[in-house]
Amino acid sequence: MSPSDPKRRRRSATPDELARIHWLQRLAPSDRAWVGPEVQVHHLEPQEALCLFGSQPTHWYGTLHGLLKLSNDSRDGQPITYAGLPTSGWFGEGTMIKLEPYRYNVSAIRSSEVGSLPAAAFHRLLDGSLEFNQYLMTQINERLGQFMAARVTDRLRNPEIRVARSLLALFNPVLYPTVDPFFQITQQELAYLIGIPRQRINAALRQLATKGAVELGYGGVRVVDIRLLGRIAEQKDSPR
């Protein structure tokens, strides 16, 4: 799987797409004026790679529409998922600040539209925008907490709790401020995201549906009670 070329299928962001980029709206008007035209959009097909471990960053990326996965392989070859990246999720700011090679892989779980900001524009904002720096500090702190939680989730034995935690992580209001409260995801997409067999995903979802946290339908899974899902996610379980 080779990374997607940012120049392939690339186009300028529409005014509507720019209006829905949360960090862009926080900038001073003078910065928004020059940053907007720098934002490009390109399309990813399901399972298509955007970034690969060891590749050099050229752009800062965000999910404008769709669902991406940030992952890696453990020393024994087992996949480790750090985060799902739904609509409005921008990522890789630490890598962009250091301009060091990626230490993870990013790929599309479903057909997705990805926004990109060139490294030069990112660093111009980093050097001159207080609003952008405030945003990055919050983003990096929140992402660190998410990564730490994901490592714990990967080691849990109970599939129901793993699924609940993975679904809950997609509703982080800081990292994904505009995600749909009725975010829908298929069982196969969850299997790709969490890294456990679809049969176990199915059993866990049926348990969650019986308790009233989610609804199962033809189009996939819909979270209907986020608070209940949170309580289930916090249940005790022994790590592997």
Protein backbone atom coordinates (compact mmCIF):
# COMPACT_ATOMS: atom_id res chain seq x y z
CA MET A 1 0.00 0.00 0.00
CA SER A 2 1.64 3.22 -1.16
CA PRO A 3 0.80 6.66 0.21
CA SER A 4 -1.53 8.89 -1.74
CA ASP A 5 0.16 11.64 -3.72
CA PRO A 6 -1.26 14.96 -2.42
CA LYS A 7 -1.11 16.32 -5.99
CA ARG A 8 -3.32 13.51 -7.30
CA ARG A 9 -7.05 14.35 -7.50
CA ARG A 10 -6.28 17.64 -5.75
CA ARG A 11 -8.54 20.69 -5.93
CA SER A 12 -9.06 23.94 -4.07
CA ALA A 13 -11.30 23.89 -1.00
CA THR A 14 -14.78 25.31 -1.53
CA PRO A 15 -16.06 28.23 0.61
CA ASP A 16 -18.36 25.80 2.44
CA GLU A 17 -15.47 23.45 3.22
CA LEU A 18 -13.34 26.32 4.49
CA ALA A 19 -16.19 27.53 6.71
CA ARG A 20 -16.32 24.12 8.40
CA ILE A 21 -12.59 23.98 9.25
CA HIS A 22 -12.72 24.90 12.94
CA TRP A 23 -9.10 26.02 13.43
CA LEU A 24 -9.30 28.27 10.36
CA GLN A 25 -12.24 30.17 11.85
CA ARG A 26 -10.19 30.88 15.00
CA LEU A 27 -7.50 32.76 13.08
CA ALA A 28 -7.28 36.53 12.76
CA PRO A 29 -9.05 37.80 9.61
CA SER A 30 -5.72 38.78 8.04
CA ASP A 31 -4.43 35.21 8.45
CA ARG A 32 -7.65 33.60 7.22
CA ALA A 33 -7.36 35.67 4.04
CA TRP A 34 -4.08 34.06 2.95
CA VAL A 35 -4.49 30.62 4.54
CA GLY A 36 -7.81 29.79 2.85
CA PRO A 37 -6.38 29.63 -0.70
CA GLU A 38 -3.55 27.40 0.59
CA VAL A 39 -5.95 24.64 1.69
CA GLN A 40 -6.30 21.86 -0.88
CA VAL A 41 -8.65 18.88 -0.94
CA HIS A 42 -8.10 15.42 -2.36
CA HIS A 43 -10.07 12.20 -2.39
CA LEU A 44 -9.14 8.88 -0.80
CA GLU A 45 -10.73 5.53 -1.60
CA PRO A 46 -11.34 2.96 1.19
CA GLN A 47 -8.06 1.38 2.40
CA GLU A 48 -5.99 3.92 0.44
CA ALA A 49 -2.93 5.18 2.32
CA LEU A 50 -2.34 8.86 2.98
CA CYS A 51 0.85 8.67 5.11
CA LEU A 52 3.22 5.78 5.72
CA PHE A 53 5.65 5.15 8.57
CA GLY A 54 9.04 6.66 7.70
CA SER A 55 7.81 9.01 4.96
CA GLN A 56 8.59 12.71 5.16
CA PRO A 57 5.69 15.10 5.87
CA THR A 58 4.90 17.72 3.25
CA HIS A 59 1.39 18.74 4.38
CA TRP A 60 -0.76 18.94 7.50
CA TYR A 61 -3.92 16.90 6.99
CA GLY A 62 -7.49 16.84 8.23
CA THR A 63 -10.62 14.80 7.51
CA LEU A 64 -13.16 17.08 5.83
CA HIS A 65 -15.59 14.25 5.21
CA GLY A 66 -15.28 10.53 5.88
CA LEU A 67 -13.21 8.43 8.26
CA LEU A 68 -9.46 7.77 8.47
CA LYS A 69 -7.38 5.56 10.76
CA LEU A 70 -4.05 6.37 12.42
CA SER A 71 -2.24 3.11 13.20
CA ASN A 72 1.01 1.19 13.43
CA ASP A 73 2.33 -2.35 13.82
CA SER A 74 3.68 -3.67 17.11
CA ARG A 75 7.00 -5.50 17.39
CA ASP A 76 5.21 -8.84 17.02
CA GLY A 77 3.45 -7.64 13.87
CA GLN A 78 0.05 -7.02 15.43
CA PRO A 79 -1.78 -3.85 14.31
CA ILE A 80 -2.16 -1.05 16.85
CA THR A 81 -4.81 1.61 16.24
CA TYR A 82 -4.04 4.97 17.84
CA ALA A 83 -7.11 6.85 16.67
CA GLY A 84 -10.03 7.00 14.30
CA LEU A 85 -10.17 10.34 12.51
CA PRO A 86 -13.75 11.33 11.64
CA THR A 87 -14.98 14.52 9.98
CA SER A 88 -13.28 17.67 11.39
CA GLY A 89 -10.27 15.76 12.76
CA TRP A 90 -6.86 17.31 11.91
CA PHE A 91 -3.75 15.38 12.89
CA GLY A 92 0.04 15.16 12.73
CA GLU A 93 0.84 18.60 14.13
CA GLY A 94 3.70 17.20 16.24
CA THR A 95 5.25 15.64 13.16
CA MET A 96 4.80 18.89 11.23
CA ILE A 97 6.37 21.01 13.97
CA LYS A 98 9.49 18.81 14.04
CA LEU A 99 9.40 18.02 10.30
CA GLU A 100 10.42 14.48 11.18
CA PRO A 101 9.34 11.28 9.36
CA TYR A 102 5.94 9.84 10.24
CA ARG A 103 5.98 7.29 13.04
CA TYR A 104 2.58 5.90 12.09
CA ASN A 105 0.41 5.07 9.10
CA VAL A 106 -2.75 6.91 8.05
CA SER A 107 -5.29 5.34 5.70
CA ALA A 108 -8.93 5.75 4.75
CA ILE A 109 -11.52 3.45 6.27
CA ARG A 110 -14.23 4.77 3.96
CA SER A 111 -14.35 7.06 0.94
CA SER A 112 -13.04 10.37 2.31
CA GLU A 113 -12.25 13.96 1.42
CA VAL A 114 -9.00 15.12 3.03
CA GLY A 115 -7.88 18.71 3.52
CA SER A 116 -4.19 19.60 3.38
CA LEU A 117 -2.12 22.64 4.32
CA PRO A 118 1.46 22.86 2.95
CA ALA A 119 4.28 22.66 5.48
CA ALA A 120 5.46 26.18 4.61
CA ALA A 121 2.02 27.64 5.37
CA PHE A 122 1.80 25.62 8.60
CA HIS A 123 5.13 27.01 9.82
CA ARG A 124 4.24 30.54 8.78
CA LEU A 125 1.19 30.28 11.05
CA LEU A 126 3.29 28.68 13.77
CA ASP A 127 5.72 31.61 13.66
CA GLY A 128 3.17 34.41 13.48
CA SER A 129 -0.27 33.44 14.79
CA LEU A 130 -1.07 33.43 18.51
CA GLU A 131 -4.50 31.93 17.80
CA PHE A 132 -2.98 29.05 15.86
CA ASN A 133 -0.46 28.32 18.60
CA GLN A 134 -3.22 28.27 21.23
CA TYR A 135 -5.17 25.83 19.08
CA LEU A 136 -2.12 23.57 18.62
CA MET A 137 -1.37 23.45 22.35
CA THR A 138 -4.90 22.25 23.10
CA GLN A 139 -4.86 19.83 20.17
CA ILE A 140 -1.54 18.21 21.11
CA ASN A 141 -2.52 17.84 24.77
CA GLU A 142 -5.86 16.25 23.86
CA ARG A 143 -4.29 13.93 21.28
CA LEU A 144 -1.72 12.71 23.81
CA GLY A 145 -4.50 11.73 26.19
CA GLN A 146 -6.31 9.94 23.37
CA PHE A 147 -3.20 7.95 22.40
CA MET A 148 -2.64 6.86 26.00
CA ALA A 149 -6.27 5.75 26.29
CA ALA A 150 -5.99 3.87 22.98
CA ARG A 151 -3.03 1.84 24.25
CA VAL A 152 -5.09 0.76 27.26
CA THR A 153 -8.08 -0.05 25.04
CA ASP A 154 -5.96 -2.26 22.75
CA ARG A 155 -5.04 -4.43 25.75
CA LEU A 156 -8.57 -4.98 27.08
CA ARG A 157 -10.10 -8.46 26.96
CA ASN A 158 -13.78 -7.51 26.89
CA PRO A 159 -14.91 -6.78 23.29
CA GLU A 160 -17.97 -4.83 24.46
CA ILE A 161 -15.83 -2.38 26.43
CA ARG A 162 -13.30 -2.11 23.59
CA VAL A 163 -16.03 -1.30 21.08
CA ALA A 164 -17.66 1.18 23.47
CA ARG A 165 -14.37 3.00 24.06
CA SER A 166 -13.51 3.07 20.37
CA LEU A 167 -16.91 4.51 19.48
CA LEU A 168 -16.71 7.04 22.29
CA ALA A 169 -13.30 8.27 21.09
CA LEU A 170 -14.92 9.36 17.80
CA PHE A 171 -17.03 11.89 19.71
CA ASN A 172 -14.19 13.88 21.31
CA PRO A 173 -15.53 17.49 21.18
CA VAL A 174 -12.03 19.03 21.17
CA LEU A 175 -10.48 16.90 18.43
CA TYR A 176 -13.65 16.46 16.35
CA PRO A 177 -15.86 19.47 17.10
CA THR A 178 -18.27 19.03 14.19
CA VAL A 179 -18.74 15.24 14.13
CA ASP A 180 -22.38 14.25 13.67
CA PRO A 181 -23.97 13.33 17.05
CA PHE A 182 -25.64 10.44 15.20
CA PHE A 183 -22.38 9.33 13.59
CA GLN A 184 -22.94 6.10 11.68
CA ILE A 185 -20.35 3.39 11.09
CA THR A 186 -20.53 -0.11 9.62
CA GLN A 187 -19.39 -3.25 11.43
CA GLN A 188 -16.65 -3.78 8.86
CA GLU A 189 -15.36 -0.23 9.41
CA LEU A 190 -15.31 -0.87 13.16
CA ALA A 191 -13.36 -4.07 12.60
CA TYR A 192 -10.76 -2.12 10.58
CA LEU A 193 -10.65 0.59 13.22
CA ILE A 194 -10.41 -1.59 16.33
CA GLY A 195 -8.46 -4.51 14.89
CA ILE A 196 -10.63 -7.39 16.12
CA PRO A 197 -12.66 -9.88 14.02
CA ARG A 198 -16.02 -8.77 12.70
CA GLN A 199 -17.76 -11.66 14.50
CA ARG A 200 -16.63 -10.30 17.87
CA ILE A 201 -17.62 -6.78 16.79
CA ASN A 202 -21.09 -8.09 15.95
CA ALA A 203 -21.51 -9.78 19.34
CA ALA A 204 -20.32 -6.68 21.21
CA LEU A 205 -22.64 -4.39 19.25
CA ARG A 206 -25.62 -6.62 19.98
CA GLN A 207 -24.85 -6.30 23.69
CA LEU A 208 -24.60 -2.52 23.37
CA ALA A 209 -27.85 -2.42 21.40
CA THR A 210 -29.65 -4.51 24.02
CA LYS A 211 -28.59 -1.98 26.66
CA GLY A 212 -29.84 0.92 24.52
CA ALA A 213 -26.49 2.60 23.73
CA VAL A 214 -26.56 1.97 19.97
CA GLU A 215 -28.97 1.02 17.22
CA LEU A 216 -28.16 -1.59 14.59
CA GLY A 217 -29.56 -1.09 11.12
CA TYR A 218 -29.01 -1.84 7.46
CA GLY A 219 -26.67 1.13 7.08
CA GLY A 220 -24.52 0.23 10.08
CA VAL A 221 -24.32 1.29 13.71
CA ARG A 222 -25.71 4.51 15.15
CA VAL A 223 -24.89 5.80 18.63
CA VAL A 224 -28.13 6.91 20.30
CA ASP A 225 -27.11 7.36 23.96
CA ILE A 226 -23.61 8.81 24.30
CA ARG A 227 -23.79 9.04 28.11
CA LEU A 228 -24.73 5.38 28.46
CA LEU A 229 -21.95 4.46 26.05
CA GLY A 230 -19.55 6.40 28.29
CA ARG A 231 -20.64 4.51 31.40
CA ILE A 232 -20.14 1.18 29.64
CA ALA A 233 -16.71 2.28 28.40
CA GLU A 234 -15.63 3.01 31.98
CA GLN A 235 -16.48 -0.46 33.28
CA LYS A 236 -13.60 -2.42 34.76
CA ASP A 237 -11.77 -4.99 32.69
CA SER A 238 -8.45 -6.80 33.04
CA PRO A 239 -5.76 -5.90 30.47
CA ARG A 240 -4.23 -8.73 28.50
